[in-house]
Amino acid sequence: MSAGHPSWNTLARVEKSLTRLRDKPMLICWGGKDFCFHDGFYEQWRQRFPSAQSHYFPYAGHYVLEDALDEISPLVSSFLVSCHD
């Protein structure tokens, strides 16, 4: 993607604002077979948010919940409980 892409300005604003989320509780569930966001993006998210709970599902694709719901559901439940405490 280049600066001439119609989404460029929006994505640049989003990227700049991500720092505001750095200290927020965060759960990252990543699909290793994502057709759009490769593992390099996952590593960037882990670097940006080192305190996040990160879980990698090598067989899951872009719609990670469709592919790994049985494994992700308890993670989400546990995460939400920990945020409430």
PDB file of N, CA and C in Angstrom:
ATOM      1  N   MET A   1       0.851  -1.170   0.000  1.00  0.00           N
ATOM      2  CA  MET A   1       0.000   0.000   0.000  1.00  0.00           C
ATOM      3  C   MET A   1       0.897   1.232   0.000  1.00  0.00           C
ATOM      4  N   SER A   2       0.458   2.230  -0.690  1.00  0.00           N
ATOM      5  CA  SER A   2       1.240   3.464  -0.776  1.00  0.00           C
ATOM      6  C   SER A   2       0.380   4.657  -0.371  1.00  0.00           C
ATOM      7  N   ALA A   3       1.004   5.806  -0.271  1.00  0.00           N
ATOM      8  CA  ALA A   3       0.306   7.025   0.145  1.00  0.00           C
ATOM      9  C   ALA A   3      -0.827   7.401  -0.801  1.00  0.00           C
ATOM     10  N   GLY A   4      -0.820   6.888  -2.020  1.00  0.00           N
ATOM     11  CA  GLY A   4      -1.881   7.183  -2.967  1.00  0.00           C
ATOM     12  C   GLY A   4      -3.128   6.328  -2.790  1.00  0.00           C
ATOM     13  N   HIS A   5      -3.056   5.316  -1.936  1.00  0.00           N
ATOM     14  CA  HIS A   5      -4.205   4.433  -1.711  1.00  0.00           C
ATOM     15  C   HIS A   5      -5.300   5.198  -0.976  1.00  0.00           C
ATOM     16  N   PRO A   6      -6.570   4.992  -1.340  1.00  0.00           N
ATOM     17  CA  PRO A   6      -7.676   5.730  -0.702  1.00  0.00           C
ATOM     18  C   PRO A   6      -7.751   5.555   0.819  1.00  0.00           C
ATOM     19  N   SER A   7      -7.244   4.442   1.344  1.00  0.00           N
ATOM     20  CA  SER A   7      -7.317   4.184   2.791  1.00  0.00           C
ATOM     21  C   SER A   7      -6.105   4.709   3.554  1.00  0.00           C
ATOM     22  N   TRP A   8      -5.106   5.190   2.846  1.00  0.00           N
ATOM     23  CA  TRP A   8      -3.835   5.541   3.474  1.00  0.00           C
ATOM     24  C   TRP A   8      -3.993   6.506   4.650  1.00  0.00           C
ATOM     25  N   ASN A   9      -4.674   7.627   4.460  1.00  0.00           N
ATOM     26  CA  ASN A   9      -4.800   8.629   5.527  1.00  0.00           C
ATOM     27  C   ASN A   9      -5.524   8.076   6.746  1.00  0.00           C
ATOM     28  N   THR A  10      -6.562   7.320   6.517  1.00  0.00           N
ATOM     29  CA  THR A  10      -7.301   6.725   7.638  1.00  0.00           C
ATOM     30  C   THR A  10      -6.415   5.765   8.415  1.00  0.00           C
ATOM     31  N   LEU A  11      -5.710   4.903   7.708  1.00  0.00           N
ATOM     32  CA  LEU A  11      -4.836   3.938   8.371  1.00  0.00           C
ATOM     33  C   LEU A  11      -3.698   4.628   9.116  1.00  0.00           C
ATOM     34  N   ALA A  12      -3.174   5.686   8.577  1.00  0.00           N
ATOM     35  CA  ALA A  12      -2.107   6.435   9.247  1.00  0.00           C
ATOM     36  C   ALA A  12      -2.615   7.053  10.554  1.00  0.00           C
ATOM     37  N   ARG A  13      -3.830   7.601  10.546  1.00  0.00           N
ATOM     38  CA  ARG A  13      -4.416   8.162  11.776  1.00  0.00           C
ATOM     39  C   ARG A  13      -4.646   7.066  12.812  1.00  0.00           C
ATOM     40  N   VAL A  14      -5.148   5.933  12.376  1.00  0.00           N
ATOM     41  CA  VAL A  14      -5.370   4.817  13.301  1.00  0.00           C
ATOM     42  C   VAL A  14      -4.046   4.377  13.919  1.00  0.00           C
ATOM     43  N   GLU A  15      -3.035   4.229  13.090  1.00  0.00           N
ATOM     44  CA  GLU A  15      -1.731   3.791  13.597  1.00  0.00           C
ATOM     45  C   GLU A  15      -1.190   4.760  14.647  1.00  0.00           C
ATOM     46  N   LYS A  16      -1.294   6.053  14.403  1.00  0.00           N
ATOM     47  CA  LYS A  16      -0.801   7.047  15.353  1.00  0.00           C
ATOM     48  C   LYS A  16      -1.560   7.010  16.671  1.00  0.00           C
ATOM     49  N   SER A  17      -2.821   6.649  16.634  1.00  0.00           N
ATOM     50  CA  SER A  17      -3.630   6.651  17.851  1.00  0.00           C
ATOM     51  C   SER A  17      -3.509   5.358  18.655  1.00  0.00           C
ATOM     52  N   LEU A  18      -2.866   4.350  18.116  1.00  0.00           N
ATOM     53  CA  LEU A  18      -2.753   3.070  18.824  1.00  0.00           C
ATOM     54  C   LEU A  18      -2.016   3.194  20.145  1.00  0.00           C
ATOM     55  N   THR A  19      -1.142   4.155  20.280  1.00  0.00           N
ATOM     56  CA  THR A  19      -0.394   4.309  21.529  1.00  0.00           C
ATOM     57  C   THR A  19      -1.323   4.555  22.714  1.00  0.00           C
ATOM     58  N   ARG A  20      -2.477   5.103  22.454  1.00  0.00           N
ATOM     59  CA  ARG A  20      -3.438   5.354  23.550  1.00  0.00           C
ATOM     60  C   ARG A  20      -3.967   4.051  24.146  1.00  0.00           C
ATOM     61  N   LEU A  21      -3.813   2.951  23.444  1.00  0.00           N
ATOM     62  CA  LEU A  21      -4.302   1.661  23.930  1.00  0.00           C
ATOM     63  C   LEU A  21      -3.224   0.850  24.649  1.00  0.00           C
ATOM     64  N   ARG A  22      -2.011   1.331  24.660  1.00  0.00           N
ATOM     65  CA  ARG A  22      -0.874   0.554  25.151  1.00  0.00           C
ATOM     66  C   ARG A  22      -1.072   0.018  26.562  1.00  0.00           C
ATOM     67  N   ASP A  23      -1.675   0.784  27.443  1.00  0.00           N
ATOM     68  CA  ASP A  23      -1.826   0.369  28.835  1.00  0.00           C
ATOM     69  C   ASP A  23      -3.201  -0.205  29.151  1.00  0.00           C
ATOM     70  N   LYS A  24      -3.987  -0.451  28.153  1.00  0.00           N
ATOM     71  CA  LYS A  24      -5.322  -1.023  28.356  1.00  0.00           C
ATOM     72  C   LYS A  24      -5.234  -2.549  28.351  1.00  0.00           C
ATOM     73  N   PRO A  25      -6.088  -3.223  29.113  1.00  0.00           N
ATOM     74  CA  PRO A  25      -6.126  -4.684  29.035  1.00  0.00           C
ATOM     75  C   PRO A  25      -6.454  -5.094  27.595  1.00  0.00           C
ATOM     76  N   MET A  26      -5.762  -6.107  27.119  1.00  0.00           N
ATOM     77  CA  MET A  26      -5.941  -6.489  25.723  1.00  0.00           C
ATOM     78  C   MET A  26      -5.736  -7.992  25.551  1.00  0.00           C
ATOM     79  N   LEU A  27      -6.585  -8.563  24.740  1.00  0.00           N
ATOM     80  CA  LEU A  27      -6.489  -9.973  24.363  1.00  0.00           C
ATOM     81  C   LEU A  27      -6.327 -10.023  22.855  1.00  0.00           C
ATOM     82  N   ILE A  28      -5.236 -10.635  22.402  1.00  0.00           N
ATOM     83  CA  ILE A  28      -4.983 -10.782  20.973  1.00  0.00           C
ATOM     84  C   ILE A  28      -5.089 -12.261  20.622  1.00  0.00           C
ATOM     85  N   CYS A  29      -5.990 -12.583  19.711  1.00  0.00           N
ATOM     86  CA  CYS A  29      -6.143 -13.945  19.202  1.00  0.00           C
ATOM     87  C   CYS A  29      -5.867 -13.874  17.702  1.00  0.00           C
ATOM     88  N   TRP A  30      -4.821 -14.549  17.255  1.00  0.00           N
ATOM     89  CA  TRP A  30      -4.323 -14.379  15.890  1.00  0.00           C
ATOM     90  C   TRP A  30      -4.354 -15.682  15.110  1.00  0.00           C
ATOM     91  N   GLY A  31      -4.849 -15.589  13.907  1.00  0.00           N
ATOM     92  CA  GLY A  31      -4.870 -16.741  13.013  1.00  0.00           C
ATOM     93  C   GLY A  31      -3.637 -16.792  12.131  1.00  0.00           C
ATOM     94  N   GLY A  32      -2.925 -17.883  12.176  1.00  0.00           N
ATOM     95  CA  GLY A  32      -1.692 -18.036  11.420  1.00  0.00           C
ATOM     96  C   GLY A  32      -1.879 -18.158   9.918  1.00  0.00           C
ATOM     97  N   LYS A  33      -3.099 -18.451   9.493  1.00  0.00           N
ATOM     98  CA  LYS A  33      -3.359 -18.591   8.056  1.00  0.00           C
ATOM     99  C   LYS A  33      -4.187 -17.430   7.510  1.00  0.00           C
ATOM    100  N   ASP A  34      -4.086 -16.287   8.169  1.00  0.00           N
ATOM    101  CA  ASP A  34      -4.812 -15.094   7.727  1.00  0.00           C
ATOM    102  C   ASP A  34      -4.318 -14.702   6.336  1.00  0.00           C
ATOM    103  N   PHE A  35      -5.225 -14.537   5.397  1.00  0.00           N
ATOM    104  CA  PHE A  35      -4.873 -14.179   4.025  1.00  0.00           C
ATOM    105  C   PHE A  35      -4.499 -12.704   3.896  1.00  0.00           C
ATOM    106  N   CYS A  36      -4.837 -11.915   4.888  1.00  0.00           N
ATOM    107  CA  CYS A  36      -4.656 -10.465   4.816  1.00  0.00           C
ATOM    108  C   CYS A  36      -3.523  -9.991   5.732  1.00  0.00           C
ATOM    109  N   PHE A  37      -3.540 -10.423   6.973  1.00  0.00           N
ATOM    110  CA  PHE A  37      -2.572  -9.975   7.965  1.00  0.00           C
ATOM    111  C   PHE A  37      -1.630 -11.122   8.312  1.00  0.00           C
ATOM    112  N   HIS A  38      -0.429 -11.101   7.752  1.00  0.00           N
ATOM    113  CA  HIS A  38       0.539 -12.172   7.966  1.00  0.00           C
ATOM    114  C   HIS A  38       1.157 -12.071   9.363  1.00  0.00           C
ATOM    115  N   ASP A  39       2.022 -13.019   9.682  1.00  0.00           N
ATOM    116  CA  ASP A  39       2.606 -13.092  11.021  1.00  0.00           C
ATOM    117  C   ASP A  39       3.418 -11.859  11.393  1.00  0.00           C
ATOM    118  N   GLY A  40       3.928 -11.137  10.409  1.00  0.00           N
ATOM    119  CA  GLY A  40       4.651  -9.905  10.699  1.00  0.00           C
ATOM    120  C   GLY A  40       3.771  -8.889  11.410  1.00  0.00           C
ATOM    121  N   PHE A  41       2.494  -8.843  11.040  1.00  0.00           N
ATOM    122  CA  PHE A  41       1.550  -7.957  11.721  1.00  0.00           C
ATOM    123  C   PHE A  41       1.354  -8.404  13.174  1.00  0.00           C
ATOM    124  N   TYR A  42       1.263  -9.703  13.365  1.00  0.00           N
ATOM    125  CA  TYR A  42       1.106 -10.241  14.721  1.00  0.00           C
ATOM    126  C   TYR A  42       2.287  -9.822  15.595  1.00  0.00           C
ATOM    127  N   GLU A  43       3.484  -9.947  15.066  1.00  0.00           N
ATOM    128  CA  GLU A  43       4.669  -9.558  15.829  1.00  0.00           C
ATOM    129  C   GLU A  43       4.666  -8.062  16.128  1.00  0.00           C
ATOM    130  N   GLN A  44       4.196  -7.255  15.190  1.00  0.00           N
ATOM    131  CA  GLN A  44       4.096  -5.809  15.444  1.00  0.00           C
ATOM    132  C   GLN A  44       3.115  -5.512  16.575  1.00  0.00           C
ATOM    133  N   TRP A  45       1.973  -6.200  16.576  1.00  0.00           N
ATOM    134  CA  TRP A  45       0.989  -6.006  17.640  1.00  0.00           C
ATOM    135  C   TRP A  45       1.583  -6.418  18.986  1.00  0.00           C
ATOM    136  N   ARG A  46       2.326  -7.508  19.004  1.00  0.00           N
ATOM    137  CA  ARG A  46       2.927  -7.960  20.261  1.00  0.00           C
ATOM    138  C   ARG A  46       3.975  -6.961  20.753  1.00  0.00           C
ATOM    139  N   GLN A  47       4.689  -6.324  19.845  1.00  0.00           N
ATOM    140  CA  GLN A  47       5.658  -5.306  20.236  1.00  0.00           C
ATOM    141  C   GLN A  47       4.972  -4.030  20.709  1.00  0.00           C
ATOM    142  N   ARG A  48       3.908  -3.648  20.021  1.00  0.00           N
ATOM    143  CA  ARG A  48       3.175  -2.432  20.410  1.00  0.00           C
ATOM    144  C   ARG A  48       2.485  -2.599  21.753  1.00  0.00           C
ATOM    145  N   PHE A  49       2.019  -3.802  22.028  1.00  0.00           N
ATOM    146  CA  PHE A  49       1.233  -4.071  23.229  1.00  0.00           C
ATOM    147  C   PHE A  49       1.844  -5.233  24.004  1.00  0.00           C
ATOM    148  N   PRO A  50       3.003  -5.018  24.624  1.00  0.00           N
ATOM    149  CA  PRO A  50       3.709  -6.115  25.292  1.00  0.00           C
ATOM    150  C   PRO A  50       2.967  -6.719  26.479  1.00  0.00           C
ATOM    151  N   SER A  51       2.031  -5.996  27.052  1.00  0.00           N
ATOM    152  CA  SER A  51       1.272  -6.526  28.193  1.00  0.00           C
ATOM    153  C   SER A  51       0.038  -7.314  27.764  1.00  0.00           C
ATOM    154  N   ALA A  52      -0.242  -7.330  26.492  1.00  0.00           N
ATOM    155  CA  ALA A  52      -1.435  -8.028  25.999  1.00  0.00           C
ATOM    156  C   ALA A  52      -1.295  -9.534  26.182  1.00  0.00           C
ATOM    157  N   GLN A  53      -2.414 -10.161  26.427  1.00  0.00           N
ATOM    158  CA  GLN A  53      -2.459 -11.625  26.398  1.00  0.00           C
ATOM    159  C   GLN A  53      -2.546 -12.021  24.926  1.00  0.00           C
ATOM    160  N   SER A  54      -1.537 -12.708  24.438  1.00  0.00           N
ATOM    161  CA  SER A  54      -1.483 -13.049  23.020  1.00  0.00           C
ATOM    162  C   SER A  54      -1.591 -14.558  22.823  1.00  0.00           C
ATOM    163  N   HIS A  55      -2.424 -14.928  21.887  1.00  0.00           N
ATOM    164  CA  HIS A  55      -2.622 -16.344  21.577  1.00  0.00           C
ATOM    165  C   HIS A  55      -2.601 -16.520  20.067  1.00  0.00           C
ATOM    166  N   TYR A  56      -1.822 -17.471  19.625  1.00  0.00           N
ATOM    167  CA  TYR A  56      -1.627 -17.723  18.196  1.00  0.00           C
ATOM    168  C   TYR A  56      -2.260 -19.064  17.826  1.00  0.00           C
ATOM    169  N   PHE A  57      -3.068 -19.045  16.791  1.00  0.00           N
ATOM    170  CA  PHE A  57      -3.752 -20.244  16.318  1.00  0.00           C
ATOM    171  C   PHE A  57      -3.267 -20.522  14.897  1.00  0.00           C
ATOM    172  N   PRO A  58      -2.281 -21.414  14.751  1.00  0.00           N
ATOM    173  CA  PRO A  58      -1.623 -21.606  13.455  1.00  0.00           C
ATOM    174  C   PRO A  58      -2.551 -22.077  12.335  1.00  0.00           C
ATOM    175  N   TYR A  59      -3.610 -22.770  12.659  1.00  0.00           N
ATOM    176  CA  TYR A  59      -4.524 -23.319  11.655  1.00  0.00           C
ATOM    177  C   TYR A  59      -5.681 -22.374  11.317  1.00  0.00           C
ATOM    178  N   ALA A  60      -5.839 -21.290  12.076  1.00  0.00           N
ATOM    179  CA  ALA A  60      -6.974 -20.379  11.897  1.00  0.00           C
ATOM    180  C   ALA A  60      -6.653 -19.307  10.863  1.00  0.00           C
ATOM    181  N   GLY A  61      -7.689 -18.867  10.191  1.00  0.00           N
ATOM    182  CA  GLY A  61      -7.527 -17.847   9.164  1.00  0.00           C
ATOM    183  C   GLY A  61      -7.944 -16.465   9.645  1.00  0.00           C
ATOM    184  N   HIS A  62      -8.321 -15.629   8.697  1.00  0.00           N
ATOM    185  CA  HIS A  62      -8.682 -14.240   8.959  1.00  0.00           C
ATOM    186  C   HIS A  62      -9.849 -14.137   9.941  1.00  0.00           C
ATOM    187  N   TYR A  63     -10.812 -15.010   9.802  1.00  0.00           N
ATOM    188  CA  TYR A  63     -11.964 -15.017  10.710  1.00  0.00           C
ATOM    189  C   TYR A  63     -11.676 -16.023  11.816  1.00  0.00           C
ATOM    190  N   VAL A  64     -10.754 -15.635  12.675  1.00  0.00           N
ATOM    191  CA  VAL A  64     -10.200 -16.535  13.675  1.00  0.00           C
ATOM    192  C   VAL A  64     -11.283 -17.132  14.581  1.00  0.00           C
ATOM    193  N   LEU A  65     -12.333 -16.388  14.870  1.00  0.00           N
ATOM    194  CA  LEU A  65     -13.395 -16.925  15.718  1.00  0.00           C
ATOM    195  C   LEU A  65     -14.154 -18.060  15.042  1.00  0.00           C
ATOM    196  N   GLU A  66     -14.275 -18.000  13.742  1.00  0.00           N
ATOM    197  CA  GLU A  66     -14.944 -19.085  13.020  1.00  0.00           C
ATOM    198  C   GLU A  66     -14.113 -20.358  13.061  1.00  0.00           C
ATOM    199  N   ASP A  67     -12.800 -20.210  13.058  1.00  0.00           N
ATOM    200  CA  ASP A  67     -11.915 -21.364  12.987  1.00  0.00           C
ATOM    201  C   ASP A  67     -11.486 -21.900  14.346  1.00  0.00           C
ATOM    202  N   ALA A  68     -11.534 -21.081  15.382  1.00  0.00           N
ATOM    203  CA  ALA A  68     -11.003 -21.492  16.683  1.00  0.00           C
ATOM    204  C   ALA A  68     -11.910 -21.094  17.838  1.00  0.00           C
ATOM    205  N   LEU A  69     -13.197 -21.019  17.601  1.00  0.00           N
ATOM    206  CA  LEU A  69     -14.135 -20.550  18.622  1.00  0.00           C
ATOM    207  C   LEU A  69     -14.064 -21.374  19.906  1.00  0.00           C
ATOM    208  N   ASP A  70     -13.980 -22.691  19.778  1.00  0.00           N
ATOM    209  CA  ASP A  70     -13.960 -23.540  20.976  1.00  0.00           C
ATOM    210  C   ASP A  70     -12.759 -23.247  21.868  1.00  0.00           C
ATOM    211  N   GLU A  71     -11.645 -22.860  21.281  1.00  0.00           N
ATOM    212  CA  GLU A  71     -10.457 -22.539  22.064  1.00  0.00           C
ATOM    213  C   GLU A  71     -10.455 -21.089  22.538  1.00  0.00           C
ATOM    214  N   ILE A  72     -11.029 -20.207  21.739  1.00  0.00           N
ATOM    215  CA  ILE A  72     -10.996 -18.779  22.068  1.00  0.00           C
ATOM    216  C   ILE A  72     -12.060 -18.407  23.103  1.00  0.00           C
ATOM    217  N   SER A  73     -13.202 -19.046  23.077  1.00  0.00           N
ATOM    218  CA  SER A  73     -14.290 -18.698  24.011  1.00  0.00           C
ATOM    219  C   SER A  73     -13.840 -18.676  25.465  1.00  0.00           C
ATOM    220  N   PRO A  74     -13.167 -19.723  25.955  1.00  0.00           N
ATOM    221  CA  PRO A  74     -12.731 -19.655  27.360  1.00  0.00           C
ATOM    222  C   PRO A  74     -11.683 -18.574  27.605  1.00  0.00           C
ATOM    223  N   LEU A  75     -10.870 -18.271  26.598  1.00  0.00           N
ATOM    224  CA  LEU A  75      -9.884 -17.203  26.751  1.00  0.00           C
ATOM    225  C   LEU A  75     -10.575 -15.850  26.914  1.00  0.00           C
ATOM    226  N   VAL A  76     -11.612 -15.624  26.114  1.00  0.00           N
ATOM    227  CA  VAL A  76     -12.365 -14.366  26.200  1.00  0.00           C
ATOM    228  C   VAL A  76     -13.063 -14.280  27.551  1.00  0.00           C
ATOM    229  N   SER A  77     -13.689 -15.364  27.975  1.00  0.00           N
ATOM    230  CA  SER A  77     -14.376 -15.367  29.278  1.00  0.00           C
ATOM    231  C   SER A  77     -13.404 -15.050  30.403  1.00  0.00           C
ATOM    232  N   SER A  78     -12.268 -15.712  30.407  1.00  0.00           N
ATOM    233  CA  SER A  78     -11.264 -15.485  31.442  1.00  0.00           C
ATOM    234  C   SER A  78     -10.735 -14.058  31.397  1.00  0.00           C
ATOM    235  N   PHE A  79     -10.507 -13.551  30.194  1.00  0.00           N
ATOM    236  CA  PHE A  79     -10.022 -12.184  30.031  1.00  0.00           C
ATOM    237  C   PHE A  79     -11.035 -11.179  30.580  1.00  0.00           C
ATOM    238  N   LEU A  80     -12.292 -11.364  30.261  1.00  0.00           N
ATOM    239  CA  LEU A  80     -13.320 -10.430  30.739  1.00  0.00           C
ATOM    240  C   LEU A  80     -13.458 -10.469  32.249  1.00  0.00           C
ATOM    241  N   VAL A  81     -13.349 -11.649  32.831  1.00  0.00           N
ATOM    242  CA  VAL A  81     -13.406 -11.755  34.288  1.00  0.00           C
ATOM    243  C   VAL A  81     -12.211 -11.031  34.905  1.00  0.00           C
ATOM    244  N   SER A  82     -11.027 -11.213  34.328  1.00  0.00           N
ATOM    245  CA  SER A  82      -9.834 -10.571  34.888  1.00  0.00           C
ATOM    246  C   SER A  82      -9.910  -9.047  34.761  1.00  0.00           C
ATOM    247  N   CYS A  83     -10.584  -8.556  33.738  1.00  0.00           N
ATOM    248  CA  CYS A  83     -10.742  -7.100  33.577  1.00  0.00           C
ATOM    249  C   CYS A  83     -11.714  -6.525  34.582  1.00  0.00           C
ATOM    250  N   HIS A  84     -12.619  -7.348  35.034  1.00  0.00           N
ATOM    251  CA  HIS A  84     -13.650  -6.900  35.982  1.00  0.00           C
ATOM    252  C   HIS A  84     -13.122  -6.864  37.401  1.00  0.00           C
ATOM    253  N   ASP A  85     -12.152  -7.710  37.722  1.00  0.00           N
ATOM    254  CA  ASP A  85     -11.631  -7.803  39.087  1.00  0.00           C
ATOM    255  C   ASP A  85     -10.896  -6.572  39.513  1.00  0.00           C
TER     256      ASP A  85
END
